[in-house]
Amino acid sequence: MKTIALRAHFDGEHIQLDEPCDLAQDTPVMILVRSEEEDDERDEWGTAAGLLLENAYGEDEPEYPLNLIKEPNPDYEGR
């Protein structure tokens, strides 16, 4: 099975998956515990990154036509 990330929570007694997932018995799992403070800090970093990215482009930034692409990404589905 390929590695996947699943959201879960601890109900005080057991770890409960927040979404259904079929796991075979004895499937190895890795648990990463994050505090609420870390979630808040991550949200703040995301907001800051978005603002910096927004500042990197001017309001009059040109739209570049697709014919300027030298090597298209085959995994990009377009808009």
N, C-alpha and C. Protein backbone atom coordinates (compact mmCIF):
# COMPACT_ATOMS: atom_id res chain seq x y z
N MET A 1 0.85 -1.18 0.00
CA MET A 1 0.00 0.00 0.00
C MET A 1 0.89 1.24 0.00
N LYS A 2 0.54 2.22 -0.80
CA LYS A 2 1.32 3.45 -0.82
C LYS A 2 1.04 4.25 0.45
N THR A 3 1.95 5.14 0.79
CA THR A 3 1.80 5.97 1.99
C THR A 3 0.72 7.01 1.75
N ILE A 4 -0.20 7.14 2.69
CA ILE A 4 -1.26 8.13 2.60
C ILE A 4 -1.35 8.86 3.94
N ALA A 5 -1.95 10.04 3.93
CA ALA A 5 -2.17 10.80 5.16
C ALA A 5 -3.66 10.80 5.46
N LEU A 6 -4.00 10.49 6.69
CA LEU A 6 -5.39 10.47 7.14
C LEU A 6 -5.54 11.37 8.36
N ARG A 7 -6.63 12.09 8.45
CA ARG A 7 -6.91 12.88 9.64
C ARG A 7 -7.56 11.98 10.67
N ALA A 8 -7.22 12.22 11.93
CA ALA A 8 -7.77 11.43 13.03
C ALA A 8 -7.78 12.29 14.28
N HIS A 9 -8.44 11.80 15.31
CA HIS A 9 -8.45 12.49 16.60
C HIS A 9 -8.44 11.45 17.72
N PHE A 10 -8.04 11.89 18.88
CA PHE A 10 -8.00 11.02 20.06
C PHE A 10 -9.23 11.35 20.90
N ASP A 11 -10.08 10.37 21.15
CA ASP A 11 -11.32 10.61 21.88
C ASP A 11 -11.16 10.46 23.39
N GLY A 12 -9.93 10.38 23.86
CA GLY A 12 -9.66 10.18 25.28
C GLY A 12 -9.34 8.74 25.61
N GLU A 13 -9.68 7.85 24.68
CA GLU A 13 -9.41 6.43 24.90
C GLU A 13 -8.77 5.77 23.69
N HIS A 14 -9.26 6.14 22.49
CA HIS A 14 -8.76 5.53 21.25
C HIS A 14 -8.49 6.60 20.20
N ILE A 15 -7.64 6.26 19.25
CA ILE A 15 -7.44 7.12 18.09
C ILE A 15 -8.52 6.76 17.08
N GLN A 16 -9.28 7.74 16.65
CA GLN A 16 -10.40 7.53 15.72
C GLN A 16 -10.09 8.22 14.39
N LEU A 17 -10.21 7.48 13.28
CA LEU A 17 -10.04 8.09 11.97
C LEU A 17 -11.22 9.01 11.68
N ASP A 18 -10.95 10.16 11.07
CA ASP A 18 -12.01 11.11 10.74
C ASP A 18 -12.66 10.83 9.39
N GLU A 19 -12.09 9.91 8.64
CA GLU A 19 -12.65 9.54 7.34
C GLU A 19 -12.47 8.04 7.17
N PRO A 20 -13.37 7.41 6.44
CA PRO A 20 -13.26 5.95 6.28
C PRO A 20 -12.02 5.57 5.47
N CYS A 21 -11.41 4.45 5.86
CA CYS A 21 -10.25 3.93 5.13
C CYS A 21 -10.18 2.43 5.42
N ASP A 22 -10.06 1.65 4.37
CA ASP A 22 -9.93 0.21 4.52
C ASP A 22 -8.46 -0.13 4.75
N LEU A 23 -8.13 -0.54 5.96
CA LEU A 23 -6.78 -0.96 6.29
C LEU A 23 -6.78 -2.44 6.62
N ALA A 24 -5.82 -3.14 6.07
CA ALA A 24 -5.68 -4.57 6.39
C ALA A 24 -5.16 -4.72 7.81
N GLN A 25 -5.52 -5.83 8.43
CA GLN A 25 -5.04 -6.10 9.78
C GLN A 25 -3.51 -6.08 9.79
N ASP A 26 -2.94 -5.53 10.85
CA ASP A 26 -1.49 -5.41 11.05
C ASP A 26 -0.80 -4.46 10.08
N THR A 27 -1.56 -3.58 9.42
CA THR A 27 -0.96 -2.57 8.57
C THR A 27 -0.16 -1.62 9.46
N PRO A 28 1.13 -1.40 9.16
CA PRO A 28 1.89 -0.47 9.98
C PRO A 28 1.40 0.97 9.77
N VAL A 29 1.33 1.72 10.84
CA VAL A 29 0.91 3.13 10.76
C VAL A 29 1.91 3.98 11.55
N MET A 30 1.97 5.26 11.20
CA MET A 30 2.81 6.21 11.91
C MET A 30 1.88 7.30 12.44
N ILE A 31 2.04 7.65 13.70
CA ILE A 31 1.20 8.66 14.32
C ILE A 31 2.04 9.93 14.53
N LEU A 32 1.53 11.06 14.12
CA LEU A 32 2.16 12.35 14.33
C LEU A 32 1.20 13.18 15.17
N VAL A 33 1.63 13.60 16.34
CA VAL A 33 0.77 14.36 17.24
C VAL A 33 1.14 15.83 17.11
N ARG A 34 0.13 16.67 16.83
CA ARG A 34 0.34 18.12 16.71
C ARG A 34 -0.50 18.82 17.75
N SER A 35 0.06 19.85 18.33
CA SER A 35 -0.68 20.63 19.32
C SER A 35 -1.49 21.71 18.60
N GLU A 36 -2.48 22.26 19.29
CA GLU A 36 -3.28 23.34 18.72
C GLU A 36 -2.41 24.55 18.44
N GLU A 37 -1.40 24.80 19.28
CA GLU A 37 -0.51 25.93 19.07
C GLU A 37 0.23 25.78 17.75
N GLU A 38 0.65 24.55 17.43
CA GLU A 38 1.34 24.32 16.17
C GLU A 38 0.39 24.57 14.99
N ASP A 39 -0.88 24.16 15.14
CA ASP A 39 -1.85 24.41 14.08
C ASP A 39 -2.06 25.90 13.88
N ASP A 40 -2.15 26.65 14.98
CA ASP A 40 -2.33 28.09 14.89
C ASP A 40 -1.12 28.74 14.23
N GLU A 41 0.08 28.29 14.63
CA GLU A 41 1.30 28.86 14.04
C GLU A 41 1.37 28.53 12.55
N ARG A 42 0.98 27.32 12.18
CA ARG A 42 0.99 26.93 10.77
C ARG A 42 0.03 27.80 9.96
N ASP A 43 -1.14 28.07 10.53
CA ASP A 43 -2.11 28.95 9.86
C ASP A 43 -1.53 30.36 9.67
N GLU A 44 -0.84 30.85 10.72
CA GLU A 44 -0.24 32.18 10.62
C GLU A 44 0.84 32.22 9.54
N TRP A 45 1.66 31.18 9.46
CA TRP A 45 2.69 31.13 8.42
C TRP A 45 2.05 31.08 7.04
N GLY A 46 0.96 30.35 6.91
CA GLY A 46 0.26 30.28 5.63
C GLY A 46 -0.29 31.63 5.21
N THR A 47 -0.85 32.35 6.17
CA THR A 47 -1.37 33.68 5.89
C THR A 47 -0.24 34.61 5.47
N ALA A 48 0.87 34.56 6.21
CA ALA A 48 2.01 35.42 5.89
C ALA A 48 2.56 35.09 4.51
N ALA A 49 2.67 33.81 4.19
CA ALA A 49 3.19 33.40 2.88
C ALA A 49 2.27 33.91 1.76
N GLY A 50 0.97 33.82 1.98
CA GLY A 50 0.02 34.30 0.98
C GLY A 50 0.15 35.80 0.75
N LEU A 51 0.33 36.55 1.84
CA LEU A 51 0.50 38.00 1.70
C LEU A 51 1.78 38.34 0.96
N LEU A 52 2.87 37.63 1.28
CA LEU A 52 4.13 37.89 0.59
C LEU A 52 4.03 37.55 -0.89
N LEU A 53 3.35 36.47 -1.21
CA LEU A 53 3.16 36.10 -2.61
C LEU A 53 2.32 37.15 -3.32
N GLU A 54 1.30 37.63 -2.64
CA GLU A 54 0.43 38.66 -3.21
C GLU A 54 1.24 39.93 -3.49
N ASN A 55 2.17 40.27 -2.59
CA ASN A 55 3.00 41.46 -2.77
C ASN A 55 4.03 41.28 -3.87
N ALA A 56 4.35 40.05 -4.24
CA ALA A 56 5.36 39.79 -5.27
C ALA A 56 4.86 40.16 -6.67
N TYR A 57 3.55 40.25 -6.84
CA TYR A 57 2.98 40.53 -8.14
C TYR A 57 2.20 41.84 -8.07
N GLY A 58 2.41 42.70 -9.05
CA GLY A 58 1.70 43.96 -9.10
C GLY A 58 0.29 43.78 -9.63
N GLU A 59 -0.52 44.80 -9.44
CA GLU A 59 -1.91 44.74 -9.93
C GLU A 59 -1.95 44.72 -11.46
N ASP A 60 -0.93 45.28 -12.09
CA ASP A 60 -0.90 45.32 -13.55
C ASP A 60 0.00 44.24 -14.14
N GLU A 61 0.17 43.15 -13.40
CA GLU A 61 0.98 42.02 -13.86
C GLU A 61 0.36 41.45 -15.14
N PRO A 62 1.16 41.29 -16.20
CA PRO A 62 0.58 40.80 -17.45
C PRO A 62 0.20 39.32 -17.35
N GLU A 63 -0.78 38.94 -18.14
CA GLU A 63 -1.14 37.54 -18.29
C GLU A 63 -0.27 36.99 -19.42
N TYR A 64 0.43 35.92 -19.14
CA TYR A 64 1.32 35.36 -20.14
C TYR A 64 0.56 34.32 -20.97
N PRO A 65 0.65 34.40 -22.30
CA PRO A 65 -0.08 33.45 -23.14
C PRO A 65 0.55 32.05 -23.07
N LEU A 66 -0.28 31.05 -23.31
CA LEU A 66 0.17 29.67 -23.23
C LEU A 66 1.25 29.32 -24.26
N ASN A 67 1.32 30.08 -25.36
CA ASN A 67 2.32 29.76 -26.38
C ASN A 67 3.75 30.11 -25.92
N LEU A 68 3.91 30.75 -24.77
CA LEU A 68 5.24 31.02 -24.22
C LEU A 68 5.79 29.83 -23.43
N ILE A 69 4.96 28.83 -23.19
CA ILE A 69 5.40 27.65 -22.44
C ILE A 69 6.31 26.81 -23.33
N LYS A 70 7.53 26.58 -22.85
CA LYS A 70 8.51 25.82 -23.64
C LYS A 70 8.35 24.32 -23.45
N GLU A 71 8.03 23.92 -22.22
CA GLU A 71 7.88 22.49 -21.93
C GLU A 71 6.65 22.32 -21.04
N PRO A 72 5.51 21.91 -21.59
CA PRO A 72 4.29 21.79 -20.79
C PRO A 72 4.38 20.65 -19.77
N ASN A 73 3.73 20.84 -18.66
CA ASN A 73 3.64 19.82 -17.62
C ASN A 73 2.52 18.85 -18.02
N PRO A 74 2.84 17.59 -18.28
CA PRO A 74 1.80 16.65 -18.74
C PRO A 74 0.77 16.35 -17.66
N ASP A 75 1.08 16.63 -16.39
CA ASP A 75 0.13 16.35 -15.31
C ASP A 75 -0.81 17.53 -15.04
N TYR A 76 -0.57 18.68 -15.67
CA TYR A 76 -1.41 19.85 -15.46
C TYR A 76 -2.66 19.75 -16.31
N GLU A 77 -3.82 19.87 -15.69
CA GLU A 77 -5.07 19.68 -16.42
C GLU A 77 -5.59 20.96 -17.06
N GLY A 78 -5.00 22.08 -16.74
CA GLY A 78 -5.48 23.36 -17.28
C GLY A 78 -6.58 23.93 -16.42
N ARG A 79 -7.16 25.00 -16.88
CA ARG A 79 -8.21 25.69 -16.10
C ARG A 79 -9.58 25.26 -16.53
